[in-house]
Amino acid sequence: PLEMLAAQMHSAYANKDIQGTLENSMAIIKYHPQDASNARLLAGNISLMQDNYPAAVTLFEALRKDWPDSPGPMIALGLAYQLSGEFDKAEANYYEFCYIFEDIFPELVAEVNTFRRLALEGFKSPPKWKEIYRYQLMHELE
């Protein structure tokens, strides 16, 4: 059942169990596609951390269709694009985040603007990019 898969997925994610998170996320995406948004977010985050950028891009693109204004997926998709070398797409996602959330998250916007500048200069990997995950909004849909 969905509830059990979701509980296992969240527990695995909280315990940094990569395999458990991905297995349960992918089961939810496959068998419960109408309830797969949170599973896509967590699987995308894990994929990004594991340097599986194509999977992260696919998951975050699908997620943004359902949650176009959610800040975490905006940033995460920008990172996935940048780490994949798709700098124009990365910059577009970063720009959108900065434009929408400039007054709400000024500290975070400053960090993302650094990523934007580096993407525009063709840098694939922003320094310490994984630290962006210290923000709770990277782990939830808003």
N, C-alpha and C. Protein backbone atom coordinates (compact mmCIF):
# COMPACT_ATOMS: atom_id res chain seq x y z
N PRO A 1 0.81 -1.21 0.00
CA PRO A 1 0.00 0.00 0.00
C PRO A 1 0.86 1.27 0.00
N LEU A 2 0.28 2.33 -0.52
CA LEU A 2 0.98 3.61 -0.63
C LEU A 2 1.49 4.10 0.72
N GLU A 3 0.67 4.02 1.74
CA GLU A 3 1.07 4.54 3.05
C GLU A 3 2.32 3.85 3.57
N MET A 4 2.40 2.54 3.38
CA MET A 4 3.58 1.80 3.84
C MET A 4 4.82 2.18 3.03
N LEU A 5 4.68 2.28 1.72
CA LEU A 5 5.81 2.68 0.88
C LEU A 5 6.28 4.08 1.25
N ALA A 6 5.34 4.99 1.47
CA ALA A 6 5.70 6.37 1.83
C ALA A 6 6.42 6.41 3.17
N ALA A 7 5.93 5.65 4.14
CA ALA A 7 6.58 5.61 5.46
C ALA A 7 8.00 5.05 5.34
N GLN A 8 8.15 3.99 4.57
CA GLN A 8 9.48 3.40 4.38
C GLN A 8 10.41 4.37 3.65
N MET A 9 9.87 5.07 2.66
CA MET A 9 10.67 6.03 1.90
C MET A 9 11.15 7.15 2.81
N HIS A 10 10.25 7.72 3.60
CA HIS A 10 10.62 8.82 4.49
C HIS A 10 11.61 8.36 5.56
N SER A 11 11.40 7.19 6.08
CA SER A 11 12.32 6.65 7.09
C SER A 11 13.71 6.44 6.49
N ALA A 12 13.75 5.86 5.31
CA ALA A 12 15.05 5.62 4.65
C ALA A 12 15.75 6.96 4.35
N TYR A 13 14.99 7.94 3.88
CA TYR A 13 15.57 9.25 3.56
C TYR A 13 16.12 9.92 4.82
N ALA A 14 15.36 9.86 5.91
CA ALA A 14 15.80 10.45 7.17
C ALA A 14 17.07 9.78 7.70
N ASN A 15 17.19 8.49 7.42
CA ASN A 15 18.36 7.73 7.88
C ASN A 15 19.48 7.68 6.84
N LYS A 16 19.33 8.47 5.77
CA LYS A 16 20.32 8.54 4.69
C LYS A 16 20.61 7.16 4.08
N ASP A 17 19.54 6.36 3.99
CA ASP A 17 19.61 5.05 3.36
C ASP A 17 19.29 5.24 1.88
N ILE A 18 20.32 5.35 1.07
CA ILE A 18 20.17 5.66 -0.35
C ILE A 18 19.33 4.60 -1.06
N GLN A 19 19.72 3.36 -0.90
CA GLN A 19 19.04 2.27 -1.60
C GLN A 19 17.57 2.17 -1.19
N GLY A 20 17.31 2.26 0.11
CA GLY A 20 15.93 2.18 0.60
C GLY A 20 15.08 3.33 0.08
N THR A 21 15.66 4.52 0.06
CA THR A 21 14.93 5.68 -0.45
C THR A 21 14.59 5.50 -1.92
N LEU A 22 15.58 5.11 -2.71
CA LEU A 22 15.34 4.96 -4.15
C LEU A 22 14.36 3.83 -4.45
N GLU A 23 14.49 2.69 -3.77
CA GLU A 23 13.58 1.57 -4.02
C GLU A 23 12.14 1.95 -3.72
N ASN A 24 11.91 2.56 -2.57
CA ASN A 24 10.55 2.93 -2.20
C ASN A 24 10.02 4.08 -3.06
N SER A 25 10.87 5.04 -3.39
CA SER A 25 10.45 6.15 -4.25
C SER A 25 10.03 5.64 -5.61
N MET A 26 10.85 4.78 -6.20
CA MET A 26 10.55 4.27 -7.53
C MET A 26 9.29 3.40 -7.53
N ALA A 27 9.04 2.67 -6.43
CA ALA A 27 7.81 1.88 -6.34
C ALA A 27 6.60 2.81 -6.30
N ILE A 28 6.69 3.89 -5.56
CA ILE A 28 5.58 4.85 -5.51
C ILE A 28 5.36 5.47 -6.89
N ILE A 29 6.44 5.87 -7.54
CA ILE A 29 6.33 6.48 -8.87
C ILE A 29 5.69 5.50 -9.87
N LYS A 30 6.07 4.25 -9.77
CA LYS A 30 5.56 3.25 -10.71
C LYS A 30 4.11 2.85 -10.42
N TYR A 31 3.79 2.58 -9.16
CA TYR A 31 2.48 2.03 -8.82
C TYR A 31 1.46 3.06 -8.35
N HIS A 32 1.91 4.24 -8.00
CA HIS A 32 1.01 5.29 -7.51
C HIS A 32 1.40 6.63 -8.14
N PRO A 33 1.39 6.72 -9.47
CA PRO A 33 1.88 7.94 -10.13
C PRO A 33 1.13 9.21 -9.73
N GLN A 34 -0.13 9.09 -9.35
CA GLN A 34 -0.89 10.27 -8.95
C GLN A 34 -0.43 10.82 -7.60
N ASP A 35 0.32 10.02 -6.83
CA ASP A 35 0.82 10.43 -5.51
C ASP A 35 2.34 10.45 -5.47
N ALA A 36 2.97 10.68 -6.62
CA ALA A 36 4.42 10.48 -6.72
C ALA A 36 5.26 11.74 -6.53
N SER A 37 4.67 12.88 -6.29
CA SER A 37 5.46 14.12 -6.22
C SER A 37 6.55 14.08 -5.16
N ASN A 38 6.20 13.71 -3.95
CA ASN A 38 7.20 13.67 -2.89
C ASN A 38 8.26 12.61 -3.18
N ALA A 39 7.85 11.49 -3.75
CA ALA A 39 8.80 10.44 -4.12
C ALA A 39 9.79 10.96 -5.17
N ARG A 40 9.30 11.72 -6.14
CA ARG A 40 10.19 12.30 -7.16
C ARG A 40 11.19 13.27 -6.52
N LEU A 41 10.72 14.07 -5.57
CA LEU A 41 11.61 15.01 -4.90
C LEU A 41 12.74 14.28 -4.17
N LEU A 42 12.39 13.30 -3.36
CA LEU A 42 13.42 12.60 -2.59
C LEU A 42 14.34 11.78 -3.49
N ALA A 43 13.78 11.11 -4.49
CA ALA A 43 14.62 10.34 -5.42
C ALA A 43 15.51 11.28 -6.24
N GLY A 44 14.97 12.44 -6.63
CA GLY A 44 15.79 13.42 -7.35
C GLY A 44 16.93 13.93 -6.50
N ASN A 45 16.65 14.23 -5.23
CA ASN A 45 17.70 14.69 -4.33
C ASN A 45 18.80 13.64 -4.18
N ILE A 46 18.39 12.39 -3.97
CA ILE A 46 19.37 11.30 -3.83
C ILE A 46 20.16 11.14 -5.13
N SER A 47 19.48 11.17 -6.26
CA SER A 47 20.16 11.02 -7.55
C SER A 47 21.19 12.13 -7.75
N LEU A 48 20.84 13.35 -7.39
CA LEU A 48 21.76 14.47 -7.51
C LEU A 48 22.99 14.25 -6.63
N MET A 49 22.77 13.82 -5.40
CA MET A 49 23.89 13.59 -4.47
C MET A 49 24.78 12.44 -4.92
N GLN A 50 24.20 11.50 -5.67
CA GLN A 50 24.95 10.34 -6.14
C GLN A 50 25.54 10.57 -7.54
N ASP A 51 25.52 11.82 -8.02
CA ASP A 51 26.07 12.19 -9.32
C ASP A 51 25.35 11.54 -10.49
N ASN A 52 24.10 11.15 -10.29
CA ASN A 52 23.29 10.60 -11.37
C ASN A 52 22.43 11.74 -11.92
N TYR A 53 23.08 12.65 -12.63
CA TYR A 53 22.43 13.88 -13.08
C TYR A 53 21.31 13.64 -14.09
N PRO A 54 21.44 12.71 -15.04
CA PRO A 54 20.32 12.49 -15.96
C PRO A 54 19.05 12.05 -15.23
N ALA A 55 19.18 11.17 -14.25
CA ALA A 55 18.01 10.74 -13.48
C ALA A 55 17.43 11.90 -12.70
N ALA A 56 18.30 12.72 -12.10
CA ALA A 56 17.84 13.87 -11.33
C ALA A 56 17.08 14.85 -12.23
N VAL A 57 17.61 15.12 -13.41
CA VAL A 57 16.93 16.03 -14.35
C VAL A 57 15.54 15.49 -14.69
N THR A 58 15.45 14.21 -15.02
CA THR A 58 14.16 13.61 -15.37
C THR A 58 13.15 13.73 -14.22
N LEU A 59 13.59 13.41 -13.02
CA LEU A 59 12.70 13.46 -11.86
C LEU A 59 12.26 14.89 -11.54
N PHE A 60 13.20 15.83 -11.56
CA PHE A 60 12.86 17.21 -11.23
C PHE A 60 12.02 17.88 -12.32
N GLU A 61 12.27 17.54 -13.59
CA GLU A 61 11.43 18.10 -14.66
C GLU A 61 9.98 17.65 -14.48
N ALA A 62 9.79 16.37 -14.20
CA ALA A 62 8.43 15.86 -13.98
C ALA A 62 7.80 16.51 -12.75
N LEU A 63 8.57 16.70 -11.73
CA LEU A 63 8.08 17.31 -10.50
C LEU A 63 7.66 18.76 -10.72
N ARG A 64 8.45 19.49 -11.48
CA ARG A 64 8.14 20.91 -11.71
C ARG A 64 6.87 21.09 -12.53
N LYS A 65 6.47 20.09 -13.29
CA LYS A 65 5.20 20.19 -14.02
C LYS A 65 4.03 20.27 -13.05
N ASP A 66 4.12 19.52 -11.96
CA ASP A 66 3.05 19.52 -10.96
C ASP A 66 3.23 20.59 -9.89
N TRP A 67 4.47 21.00 -9.64
CA TRP A 67 4.79 21.97 -8.60
C TRP A 67 5.67 23.08 -9.20
N PRO A 68 5.14 23.87 -10.12
CA PRO A 68 5.98 24.83 -10.85
C PRO A 68 6.56 25.95 -9.98
N ASP A 69 5.91 26.27 -8.87
CA ASP A 69 6.38 27.38 -8.04
C ASP A 69 7.02 26.93 -6.73
N SER A 70 7.30 25.65 -6.60
CA SER A 70 7.94 25.15 -5.38
C SER A 70 9.43 25.48 -5.44
N PRO A 71 9.95 26.18 -4.44
CA PRO A 71 11.33 26.68 -4.53
C PRO A 71 12.41 25.59 -4.56
N GLY A 72 12.26 24.54 -3.75
CA GLY A 72 13.28 23.50 -3.72
C GLY A 72 13.52 22.84 -5.06
N PRO A 73 12.45 22.38 -5.72
CA PRO A 73 12.64 21.78 -7.04
C PRO A 73 13.20 22.74 -8.09
N MET A 74 12.89 24.04 -7.97
CA MET A 74 13.47 25.02 -8.90
C MET A 74 14.99 25.03 -8.78
N ILE A 75 15.45 25.12 -7.55
CA ILE A 75 16.90 25.15 -7.30
C ILE A 75 17.52 23.82 -7.70
N ALA A 76 16.90 22.72 -7.28
CA ALA A 76 17.46 21.40 -7.56
C ALA A 76 17.56 21.13 -9.06
N LEU A 77 16.53 21.52 -9.82
CA LEU A 77 16.60 21.31 -11.27
C LEU A 77 17.69 22.18 -11.87
N GLY A 78 17.83 23.40 -11.38
CA GLY A 78 18.93 24.25 -11.84
C GLY A 78 20.28 23.60 -11.59
N LEU A 79 20.46 23.04 -10.41
CA LEU A 79 21.71 22.35 -10.09
C LEU A 79 21.93 21.14 -11.00
N ALA A 80 20.86 20.35 -11.19
CA ALA A 80 20.98 19.17 -12.04
C ALA A 80 21.38 19.56 -13.46
N TYR A 81 20.78 20.63 -13.97
CA TYR A 81 21.16 21.12 -15.30
C TYR A 81 22.62 21.60 -15.30
N GLN A 82 22.99 22.38 -14.30
CA GLN A 82 24.36 22.91 -14.27
C GLN A 82 25.38 21.79 -14.18
N LEU A 83 25.14 20.83 -13.30
CA LEU A 83 26.07 19.72 -13.14
C LEU A 83 26.13 18.85 -14.39
N SER A 84 25.08 18.91 -15.20
CA SER A 84 25.05 18.18 -16.48
C SER A 84 25.65 18.98 -17.62
N GLY A 85 26.02 20.23 -17.35
CA GLY A 85 26.59 21.08 -18.38
C GLY A 85 25.55 21.81 -19.22
N GLU A 86 24.30 21.79 -18.82
CA GLU A 86 23.23 22.50 -19.54
C GLU A 86 23.05 23.87 -18.89
N PHE A 87 23.97 24.76 -19.18
CA PHE A 87 24.08 26.02 -18.46
C PHE A 87 22.92 26.97 -18.72
N ASP A 88 22.40 27.03 -19.93
CA ASP A 88 21.28 27.93 -20.22
C ASP A 88 20.03 27.52 -19.44
N LYS A 89 19.78 26.22 -19.40
CA LYS A 89 18.62 25.72 -18.64
C LYS A 89 18.82 25.96 -17.14
N ALA A 90 20.05 25.77 -16.68
CA ALA A 90 20.34 26.02 -15.26
C ALA A 90 20.07 27.48 -14.92
N GLU A 91 20.58 28.36 -15.74
CA GLU A 91 20.42 29.79 -15.48
C GLU A 91 18.96 30.18 -15.50
N ALA A 92 18.17 29.61 -16.39
CA ALA A 92 16.74 29.92 -16.47
C ALA A 92 16.02 29.52 -15.18
N ASN A 93 16.35 28.36 -14.65
CA ASN A 93 15.74 27.93 -13.39
C ASN A 93 16.18 28.81 -12.23
N TYR A 94 17.47 29.10 -12.18
CA TYR A 94 17.98 29.97 -11.11
C TYR A 94 17.34 31.35 -11.19
N TYR A 95 17.23 31.89 -12.41
CA TYR A 95 16.64 33.22 -12.59
C TYR A 95 15.20 33.23 -12.06
N GLU A 96 14.45 32.20 -12.43
CA GLU A 96 13.06 32.13 -12.00
C GLU A 96 12.96 32.11 -10.47
N PHE A 97 13.81 31.29 -9.84
CA PHE A 97 13.80 31.24 -8.37
C PHE A 97 14.12 32.61 -7.78
N CYS A 98 15.18 33.24 -8.26
CA CYS A 98 15.62 34.53 -7.71
C CYS A 98 14.55 35.60 -7.92
N TYR A 99 13.91 35.59 -9.06
CA TYR A 99 12.88 36.58 -9.37
C TYR A 99 11.68 36.43 -8.42
N ILE A 100 11.22 35.19 -8.25
CA ILE A 100 10.02 34.95 -7.45
C ILE A 100 10.28 35.11 -5.95
N PHE A 101 11.44 34.66 -5.48
CA PHE A 101 11.67 34.55 -4.04
C PHE A 101 12.67 35.55 -3.47
N GLU A 102 13.00 36.58 -4.24
CA GLU A 102 13.99 37.57 -3.81
C GLU A 102 13.68 38.18 -2.44
N ASP A 103 12.43 38.53 -2.20
CA ASP A 103 12.06 39.17 -0.94
C ASP A 103 11.78 38.16 0.17
N ILE A 104 11.49 36.93 -0.18
CA ILE A 104 11.11 35.92 0.81
C ILE A 104 12.34 35.22 1.39
N PHE A 105 13.30 34.87 0.53
CA PHE A 105 14.50 34.14 0.94
C PHE A 105 15.76 34.87 0.49
N PRO A 106 16.04 36.07 0.99
CA PRO A 106 17.17 36.85 0.47
C PRO A 106 18.53 36.16 0.61
N GLU A 107 18.76 35.46 1.71
CA GLU A 107 20.04 34.77 1.91
C GLU A 107 20.21 33.65 0.89
N LEU A 108 19.16 32.90 0.69
CA LEU A 108 19.20 31.80 -0.28
C LEU A 108 19.33 32.32 -1.70
N VAL A 109 18.65 33.40 -2.01
CA VAL A 109 18.76 34.01 -3.34
C VAL A 109 20.20 34.44 -3.61
N ALA A 110 20.88 34.96 -2.58
CA ALA A 110 22.28 35.35 -2.76
C ALA A 110 23.14 34.13 -3.13
N GLU A 111 22.89 32.99 -2.50
CA GLU A 111 23.63 31.77 -2.84
C GLU A 111 23.33 31.31 -4.25
N VAL A 112 22.05 31.32 -4.60
CA VAL A 112 21.65 30.86 -5.93
C VAL A 112 22.19 31.80 -7.00
N ASN A 113 22.27 33.09 -6.70
CA ASN A 113 22.86 34.02 -7.66
C ASN A 113 24.33 33.70 -7.93
N THR A 114 25.02 33.19 -6.94
CA THR A 114 26.40 32.73 -7.15
C THR A 114 26.41 31.56 -8.13
N PHE A 115 25.49 30.61 -7.95
CA PHE A 115 25.38 29.49 -8.88
C PHE A 115 25.08 30.01 -10.29
N ARG A 116 24.21 31.01 -10.38
CA ARG A 116 23.86 31.59 -11.70
C ARG A 116 25.09 32.15 -12.39
N ARG A 117 25.86 32.94 -11.67
CA ARG A 117 27.06 33.54 -12.27
C ARG A 117 28.02 32.45 -12.76
N LEU A 118 28.20 31.42 -11.95
CA LEU A 118 29.10 30.34 -12.35
C LEU A 118 28.57 29.58 -13.56
N ALA A 119 27.25 29.38 -13.62
CA ALA A 119 26.65 28.70 -14.78
C ALA A 119 26.86 29.52 -16.04
N LEU A 120 26.69 30.83 -15.91
CA LEU A 120 26.88 31.71 -17.07
C LEU A 120 28.32 31.69 -17.56
N GLU A 121 29.25 31.39 -16.66
CA GLU A 121 30.67 31.30 -17.03
C GLU A 121 31.08 29.89 -17.42
N GLY A 122 30.13 28.95 -17.39
CA GLY A 122 30.41 27.59 -17.82
C GLY A 122 31.04 26.70 -16.77
N PHE A 123 30.87 27.03 -15.50
CA PHE A 123 31.38 26.16 -14.43
C PHE A 123 30.33 25.11 -14.10
N LYS A 124 30.72 23.84 -14.22
CA LYS A 124 29.78 22.76 -14.00
C LYS A 124 29.43 22.55 -12.54
N SER A 125 30.37 22.75 -11.65
CA SER A 125 30.15 22.39 -10.26
C SER A 125 30.39 23.58 -9.34
N PRO A 126 29.31 24.21 -8.85
CA PRO A 126 29.50 25.31 -7.90
C PRO A 126 30.19 24.78 -6.64
N PRO A 127 31.10 25.53 -6.07
CA PRO A 127 31.76 25.08 -4.85
C PRO A 127 30.75 24.85 -3.72
N LYS A 128 30.92 23.76 -3.04
CA LYS A 128 30.09 23.43 -1.87
C LYS A 128 28.60 23.45 -2.18
N TRP A 129 28.21 23.04 -3.39
CA TRP A 129 26.81 23.10 -3.78
C TRP A 129 25.92 22.23 -2.91
N LYS A 130 26.46 21.16 -2.35
CA LYS A 130 25.63 20.27 -1.52
C LYS A 130 25.16 20.95 -0.24
N GLU A 131 25.83 22.03 0.14
CA GLU A 131 25.42 22.74 1.35
C GLU A 131 24.05 23.40 1.20
N ILE A 132 23.56 23.56 -0.01
CA ILE A 132 22.24 24.14 -0.23
C ILE A 132 21.18 23.26 0.41
N TYR A 133 21.50 22.00 0.61
CA TYR A 133 20.56 21.06 1.20
C TYR A 133 20.40 21.24 2.71
N ARG A 134 21.08 22.21 3.29
CA ARG A 134 20.83 22.52 4.70
C ARG A 134 19.50 23.25 4.87
N TYR A 135 18.97 23.78 3.79
CA TYR A 135 17.67 24.46 3.82
C TYR A 135 16.54 23.43 3.73
N GLN A 136 15.60 23.53 4.64
CA GLN A 136 14.48 22.58 4.69
C GLN A 136 13.68 22.56 3.39
N LEU A 137 13.57 23.70 2.72
CA LEU A 137 12.76 23.76 1.51
C LEU A 137 13.29 22.87 0.40
N MET A 138 14.54 22.42 0.51
CA MET A 138 15.09 21.50 -0.49
C MET A 138 14.54 20.08 -0.31
N HIS A 139 13.90 19.83 0.83
CA HIS A 139 13.42 18.50 1.17
C HIS A 139 11.90 18.41 1.22
N GLU A 140 11.23 19.48 0.81
CA GLU A 140 9.77 19.48 0.88
C GLU A 140 9.19 20.27 -0.29
N LEU A 141 7.92 20.03 -0.53
CA LEU A 141 7.20 20.72 -1.58
C LEU A 141 6.34 21.81 -0.94
N GLU A 142 6.43 23.00 -1.49
CA GLU A 142 5.65 24.13 -0.94
C GLU A 142 4.79 24.74 -2.00
